[in-house]
PDB file of N, CA and C in Angstrom:
ATOM      1  N   UNK A   1     -77.607  40.124  26.643  1.00  0.00           N
ATOM      2  CA  UNK A   1     -77.355  39.422  25.819  1.00  0.00           C
ATOM      3  C   UNK A   1     -75.983  38.767  25.235  1.00  0.00           C
ATOM      4  N   UNK A   2     -75.207  39.923  26.164  1.00  0.00           N
ATOM      5  CA  UNK A   2     -73.430  39.170  25.642  1.00  0.00           C
ATOM      6  C   UNK A   2     -73.274  38.674  27.170  1.00  0.00           C
ATOM      7  N   UNK A   3     -72.473  37.599  27.107  1.00  0.00           N
ATOM      8  CA  UNK A   3     -71.672  37.057  28.735  1.00  0.00           C
ATOM      9  C   UNK A   3     -70.865  38.326  28.822  1.00  0.00           C
ATOM     10  N   UNK A   4     -70.675  38.454  29.930  1.00  0.00           N
ATOM     11  CA  UNK A   4     -69.546  38.947  30.629  1.00  0.00           C
ATOM     12  C   UNK A   4     -68.350  39.140  30.543  1.00  0.00           C
ATOM     13  N   UNK A   5     -67.666  38.157  30.043  1.00  0.00           N
ATOM     14  CA  UNK A   5     -66.502  37.992  29.434  1.00  0.00           C
ATOM     15  C   UNK A   5     -65.890  38.919  28.372  1.00  0.00           C
ATOM     16  N   UNK A   6     -67.062  38.681  27.259  1.00  0.00           N
ATOM     17  CA  UNK A   6     -66.784  39.381  26.081  1.00  0.00           C
ATOM     18  C   UNK A   6     -67.323  40.599  26.311  1.00  0.00           C
ATOM     19  N   UNK A   7     -68.327  40.988  27.179  1.00  0.00           N
ATOM     20  CA  UNK A   7     -68.828  43.200  27.062  1.00  0.00           C
ATOM     21  C   UNK A   7     -67.659  43.426  27.900  1.00  0.00           C
ATOM     22  N   UNK A   8     -66.643  42.738  28.543  1.00  0.00           N
ATOM     23  CA  UNK A   8     -65.472  43.621  29.718  1.00  0.00           C
ATOM     24  C   UNK A   8     -64.224  43.491  28.590  1.00  0.00           C
ATOM     25  N   UNK A   9     -64.135  42.578  27.687  1.00  0.00           N
ATOM     26  CA  UNK A   9     -63.057  42.991  26.525  1.00  0.00           C
ATOM     27  C   UNK A   9     -63.411  43.940  25.832  1.00  0.00           C
ATOM     28  N   UNK A  10     -64.577  44.256  25.157  1.00  0.00           N
ATOM     29  CA  UNK A  10     -65.057  45.373  24.633  1.00  0.00           C
ATOM     30  C   UNK A  10     -64.896  46.301  25.655  1.00  0.00           C
ATOM     31  N   UNK A  11     -65.012  46.625  26.253  1.00  0.00           N
ATOM     32  CA  UNK A  11     -64.805  47.723  27.406  1.00  0.00           C
ATOM     33  C   UNK A  11     -63.808  48.074  27.464  1.00  0.00           C
ATOM     34  N   UNK A  12     -62.657  47.347  27.655  1.00  0.00           N
ATOM     35  CA  UNK A  12     -61.455  47.281  27.840  1.00  0.00           C
ATOM     36  C   UNK A  12     -60.281  47.524  26.109  1.00  0.00           C
ATOM     37  N   UNK A  13     -60.797  47.115  25.595  1.00  0.00           N
ATOM     38  CA  UNK A  13     -60.032  47.381  24.399  1.00  0.00           C
ATOM     39  C   UNK A  13     -60.729  49.119  24.091  1.00  0.00           C
ATOM     40  N   UNK A  14     -61.955  49.497  23.780  1.00  0.00           N
ATOM     41  CA  UNK A  14     -62.530  50.206  23.333  1.00  0.00           C
ATOM     42  C   UNK A  14     -61.607  51.375  24.160  1.00  0.00           C
ATOM     43  N   UNK A  15     -61.239  51.750  25.966  1.00  0.00           N
ATOM     44  CA  UNK A  15     -60.778  52.198  26.817  1.00  0.00           C
ATOM     45  C   UNK A  15     -59.486  52.576  26.462  1.00  0.00           C
ATOM     46  N   UNK A  16     -58.901  51.105  25.805  1.00  0.00           N
ATOM     47  CA  UNK A  16     -57.617  51.713  25.890  1.00  0.00           C
ATOM     48  C   UNK A  16     -57.375  52.054  24.268  1.00  0.00           C
ATOM     49  N   UNK A  17     -58.233  52.062  23.303  1.00  0.00           N
ATOM     50  CA  UNK A  17     -58.031  53.132  21.868  1.00  0.00           C
ATOM     51  C   UNK A  17     -57.238  54.098  21.703  1.00  0.00           C
ATOM     52  N   UNK A  18     -56.878  55.124  22.674  1.00  0.00           N
ATOM     53  CA  UNK A  18     -55.731  56.205  22.591  1.00  0.00           C
ATOM     54  C   UNK A  18     -54.795  55.365  22.883  1.00  0.00           C
ATOM     55  N   UNK A  19     -54.024  55.146  23.520  1.00  0.00           N
ATOM     56  CA  UNK A  19     -52.502  54.121  24.172  1.00  0.00           C
ATOM     57  C   UNK A  19     -52.546  53.051  22.333  1.00  0.00           C
ATOM     58  N   UNK A  20     -53.244  52.560  22.569  1.00  0.00           N
ATOM     59  CA  UNK A  20     -53.085  51.865  21.143  1.00  0.00           C
ATOM     60  C   UNK A  20     -52.318  52.443  20.088  1.00  0.00           C
ATOM     61  N   UNK A  21     -53.863  53.686  19.683  1.00  0.00           N
ATOM     62  CA  UNK A  21     -53.098  54.442  18.435  1.00  0.00           C
ATOM     63  C   UNK A  21     -51.827  55.296  19.058  1.00  0.00           C
ATOM     64  N   UNK A  22     -51.168  55.463  19.843  1.00  0.00           N
ATOM     65  CA  UNK A  22     -49.978  56.011  20.267  1.00  0.00           C
ATOM     66  C   UNK A  22     -49.131  55.039  20.004  1.00  0.00           C
ATOM     67  N   UNK A  23     -49.606  53.768  20.224  1.00  0.00           N
ATOM     68  CA  UNK A  23     -48.419  52.851  20.020  1.00  0.00           C
ATOM     69  C   UNK A  23     -47.774  52.093  18.575  1.00  0.00           C
ATOM     70  N   UNK A  24     -49.660  52.357  17.878  1.00  0.00           N
ATOM     71  CA  UNK A  24     -49.034  52.045  16.389  1.00  0.00           C
ATOM     72  C   UNK A  24     -48.628  52.998  15.725  1.00  0.00           C
ATOM     73  N   UNK A  25     -48.769  54.573  16.024  1.00  0.00           N
ATOM     74  CA  UNK A  25     -48.080  55.584  15.272  1.00  0.00           C
ATOM     75  C   UNK A  25     -46.740  54.954  15.236  1.00  0.00           C
ATOM     76  N   UNK A  26     -46.102  54.885  16.518  1.00  0.00           N
ATOM     77  CA  UNK A  26     -44.199  54.621  17.112  1.00  0.00           C
ATOM     78  C   UNK A  26     -44.481  53.010  16.001  1.00  0.00           C
ATOM     79  N   UNK A  27     -44.904  52.409  15.924  1.00  0.00           N
ATOM     80  CA  UNK A  27     -44.906  51.147  15.377  1.00  0.00           C
ATOM     81  C   UNK A  27     -44.484  51.369  13.679  1.00  0.00           C
ATOM     82  N   UNK A  28     -45.712  52.620  13.224  1.00  0.00           N
ATOM     83  CA  UNK A  28     -45.256  52.745  11.824  1.00  0.00           C
ATOM     84  C   UNK A  28     -44.552  53.380  11.049  1.00  0.00           C
ATOM     85  N   UNK A  29     -43.709  54.254  12.300  1.00  0.00           N
ATOM     86  CA  UNK A  29     -42.173  54.759  11.978  1.00  0.00           C
ATOM     87  C   UNK A  29     -41.721  53.845  11.717  1.00  0.00           C
ATOM     88  N   UNK A  30     -41.643  52.576  12.108  1.00  0.00           N
ATOM     89  CA  UNK A  30     -40.615  51.511  12.034  1.00  0.00           C
ATOM     90  C   UNK A  30     -40.744  50.551  10.386  1.00  0.00           C
ATOM     91  N   UNK A  31     -41.896  50.370  10.056  1.00  0.00           N
ATOM     92  CA  UNK A  31     -42.350  49.679   9.118  1.00  0.00           C
ATOM     93  C   UNK A  31     -43.116  50.717   8.005  1.00  0.00           C
ATOM     94  N   UNK A  32     -42.915  51.780   7.857  1.00  0.00           N
ATOM     95  CA  UNK A  32     -43.303  52.836   7.139  1.00  0.00           C
ATOM     96  C   UNK A  32     -42.802  52.656   5.642  1.00  0.00           C
ATOM     97  N   UNK A  33     -41.623  52.170   5.381  1.00  0.00           N
ATOM     98  CA  UNK A  33     -41.086  51.343   4.325  1.00  0.00           C
ATOM     99  C   UNK A  33     -42.032  50.371   3.301  1.00  0.00           C
ATOM    100  N   UNK A  34     -43.214  49.740   4.128  1.00  0.00           N
ATOM    101  CA  UNK A  34     -44.201  48.969   3.695  1.00  0.00           C
ATOM    102  C   UNK A  34     -45.532  49.209   3.475  1.00  0.00           C
ATOM    103  N   UNK A  35     -45.857  48.578   2.150  1.00  0.00           N
ATOM    104  CA  UNK A  35     -47.109  49.213   1.604  1.00  0.00           C
ATOM    105  C   UNK A  35     -47.920  49.206   3.079  1.00  0.00           C
ATOM    106  N   UNK A  36     -49.467  49.730   2.508  1.00  0.00           N
ATOM    107  CA  UNK A  36     -50.688  49.638   3.485  1.00  0.00           C
ATOM    108  C   UNK A  36     -50.693  48.297   4.156  1.00  0.00           C
ATOM    109  N   UNK A  37     -51.005  48.036   3.044  1.00  0.00           N
ATOM    110  CA  UNK A  37     -51.533  46.687   3.342  1.00  0.00           C
ATOM    111  C   UNK A  37     -50.529  45.596   4.054  1.00  0.00           C
ATOM    112  N   UNK A  38     -49.453  45.475   4.204  1.00  0.00           N
ATOM    113  CA  UNK A  38     -48.311  44.955   4.704  1.00  0.00           C
ATOM    114  C   UNK A  38     -48.700  45.753   6.063  1.00  0.00           C
ATOM    115  N   UNK A  39     -48.648  46.961   6.613  1.00  0.00           N
ATOM    116  CA  UNK A  39     -48.794  47.707   7.467  1.00  0.00           C
ATOM    117  C   UNK A  39     -49.286  46.860   8.512  1.00  0.00           C
ATOM    118  N   UNK A  40     -50.541  46.931   7.783  1.00  0.00           N
ATOM    119  CA  UNK A  40     -51.754  46.455   8.892  1.00  0.00           C
ATOM    120  C   UNK A  40     -51.493  44.844   9.315  1.00  0.00           C
ATOM    121  N   UNK A  41     -51.513  44.096   8.621  1.00  0.00           N
ATOM    122  CA  UNK A  41     -51.049  42.873   8.980  1.00  0.00           C
ATOM    123  C   UNK A  41     -49.737  42.636   9.942  1.00  0.00           C
ATOM    124  N   UNK A  42     -48.984  43.769   9.809  1.00  0.00           N
ATOM    125  CA  UNK A  42     -48.241  43.545  11.072  1.00  0.00           C
ATOM    126  C   UNK A  42     -48.526  44.211  12.028  1.00  0.00           C
ATOM    127  N   UNK A  43     -49.394  44.805  11.811  1.00  0.00           N
ATOM    128  CA  UNK A  43     -49.956  45.608  13.157  1.00  0.00           C
ATOM    129  C   UNK A  43     -51.194  44.774  13.698  1.00  0.00           C
ATOM    130  N   UNK A  44     -52.038  43.988  12.800  1.00  0.00           N
ATOM    131  CA  UNK A  44     -52.171  42.842  13.640  1.00  0.00           C
ATOM    132  C   UNK A  44     -52.020  41.658  13.998  1.00  0.00           C
ATOM    133  N   UNK A  45     -50.454  41.656  13.579  1.00  0.00           N
ATOM    134  CA  UNK A  45     -49.729  40.573  14.132  1.00  0.00           C
ATOM    135  C   UNK A  45     -49.334  40.737  15.584  1.00  0.00           C
ATOM    136  N   UNK A  46     -48.935  42.137  15.960  1.00  0.00           N
ATOM    137  CA  UNK A  46     -48.921  42.666  17.155  1.00  0.00           C
ATOM    138  C   UNK A  46     -49.443  42.544  18.286  1.00  0.00           C
ATOM    139  N   UNK A  47     -50.969  42.626  17.832  1.00  0.00           N
ATOM    140  CA  UNK A  47     -51.754  42.003  18.449  1.00  0.00           C
ATOM    141  C   UNK A  47     -52.582  43.764  18.424  1.00  0.00           C
ATOM    142  N   UNK A  48     -52.810  44.153  17.846  1.00  0.00           N
ATOM    143  CA  UNK A  48     -53.582  45.725  18.191  1.00  0.00           C
ATOM    144  C   UNK A  48     -55.136  45.328  17.266  1.00  0.00           C
ATOM    145  N   UNK A  49     -55.872  46.259  18.542  1.00  0.00           N
ATOM    146  CA  UNK A  49     -57.060  46.297  18.076  1.00  0.00           C
ATOM    147  C   UNK A  49     -57.678  46.770  16.659  1.00  0.00           C
ATOM    148  N   UNK A  50     -58.557  46.289  15.963  1.00  0.00           N
ATOM    149  CA  UNK A  50     -59.356  46.451  14.488  1.00  0.00           C
ATOM    150  C   UNK A  50     -59.122  47.845  14.336  1.00  0.00           C
ATOM    151  N   UNK A  51     -60.422  48.429  15.479  1.00  0.00           N
ATOM    152  CA  UNK A  51     -60.572  49.683  15.340  1.00  0.00           C
ATOM    153  C   UNK A  51     -59.770  50.700  15.670  1.00  0.00           C
ATOM    154  N   UNK A  52     -58.425  50.196  16.256  1.00  0.00           N
ATOM    155  CA  UNK A  52     -57.686  51.058  16.641  1.00  0.00           C
ATOM    156  C   UNK A  52     -56.899  51.232  15.397  1.00  0.00           C
ATOM    157  N   UNK A  53     -56.194  50.469  14.894  1.00  0.00           N
ATOM    158  CA  UNK A  53     -55.264  50.451  13.568  1.00  0.00           C
ATOM    159  C   UNK A  53     -56.095  51.343  12.252  1.00  0.00           C
ATOM    160  N   UNK A  54     -57.502  50.963  12.474  1.00  0.00           N
ATOM    161  CA  UNK A  54     -58.132  51.758  11.182  1.00  0.00           C
ATOM    162  C   UNK A  54     -58.786  53.823  11.715  1.00  0.00           C
ATOM    163  N   UNK A  55     -58.199  53.630  12.788  1.00  0.00           N
ATOM    164  CA  UNK A  55     -58.597  54.757  13.520  1.00  0.00           C
ATOM    165  C   UNK A  55     -57.191  55.671  13.686  1.00  0.00           C
ATOM    166  N   UNK A  56     -56.439  54.891  13.267  1.00  0.00           N
ATOM    167  CA  UNK A  56     -54.845  55.215  13.592  1.00  0.00           C
ATOM    168  C   UNK A  56     -54.553  55.730  12.107  1.00  0.00           C
ATOM    169  N   UNK A  57     -54.805  54.863  11.130  1.00  0.00           N
ATOM    170  CA  UNK A  57     -54.517  55.394   9.625  1.00  0.00           C
ATOM    171  C   UNK A  57     -55.192  56.345   9.037  1.00  0.00           C
ATOM    172  N   UNK A  58     -57.077  56.533   9.495  1.00  0.00           N
ATOM    173  CA  UNK A  58     -57.837  57.242   9.392  1.00  0.00           C
ATOM    174  C   UNK A  58     -56.558  58.825   9.974  1.00  0.00           C
ATOM    175  N   UNK A  59     -56.959  58.912  10.913  1.00  0.00           N
ATOM    176  CA  UNK A  59     -56.035  59.875  11.700  1.00  0.00           C
ATOM    177  C   UNK A  59     -54.539  60.698  10.651  1.00  0.00           C
ATOM    178  N   UNK A  60     -53.860  59.221  10.029  1.00  0.00           N
ATOM    179  CA  UNK A  60     -52.790  59.719   9.502  1.00  0.00           C
ATOM    180  C   UNK A  60     -53.192  60.552   8.088  1.00  0.00           C
ATOM    181  N   UNK A  61     -54.470  60.219   7.398  1.00  0.00           N
ATOM    182  CA  UNK A  61     -54.744  60.593   5.954  1.00  0.00           C
ATOM    183  C   UNK A  61     -55.263  61.945   6.302  1.00  0.00           C
ATOM    184  N   UNK A  62     -55.795  62.224   7.485  1.00  0.00           N
ATOM    185  CA  UNK A  62     -56.278  63.354   8.123  1.00  0.00           C
ATOM    186  C   UNK A  62     -55.185  64.758   8.009  1.00  0.00           C
ATOM    187  N   UNK A  63     -54.204  64.100   8.372  1.00  0.00           N
ATOM    188  CA  UNK A  63     -52.989  64.976   8.540  1.00  0.00           C
ATOM    189  C   UNK A  63     -52.405  65.680   7.276  1.00  0.00           C
ATOM    190  N   UNK A  64     -52.288  64.570   6.656  1.00  0.00           N
ATOM    191  CA  UNK A  64     -51.375  64.419   5.401  1.00  0.00           C
ATOM    192  C   UNK A  64     -51.702  64.225   4.312  1.00  0.00           C
TER     193      UNK A  64
END
């Protein structure tokens, strides 16, 4: 029930999750002086996937 373009995009975004998480960690170092809400907005503006952003913040909370 899903068109092929949507399915392809979802598959690619999930496959790219580890790369996005690494890039997010890199960008978070640059924007660490902002509060979390602003950090999330800036990451969305950079085009990161919502799942990758949430997963990255979850990983950071688990680490520290």
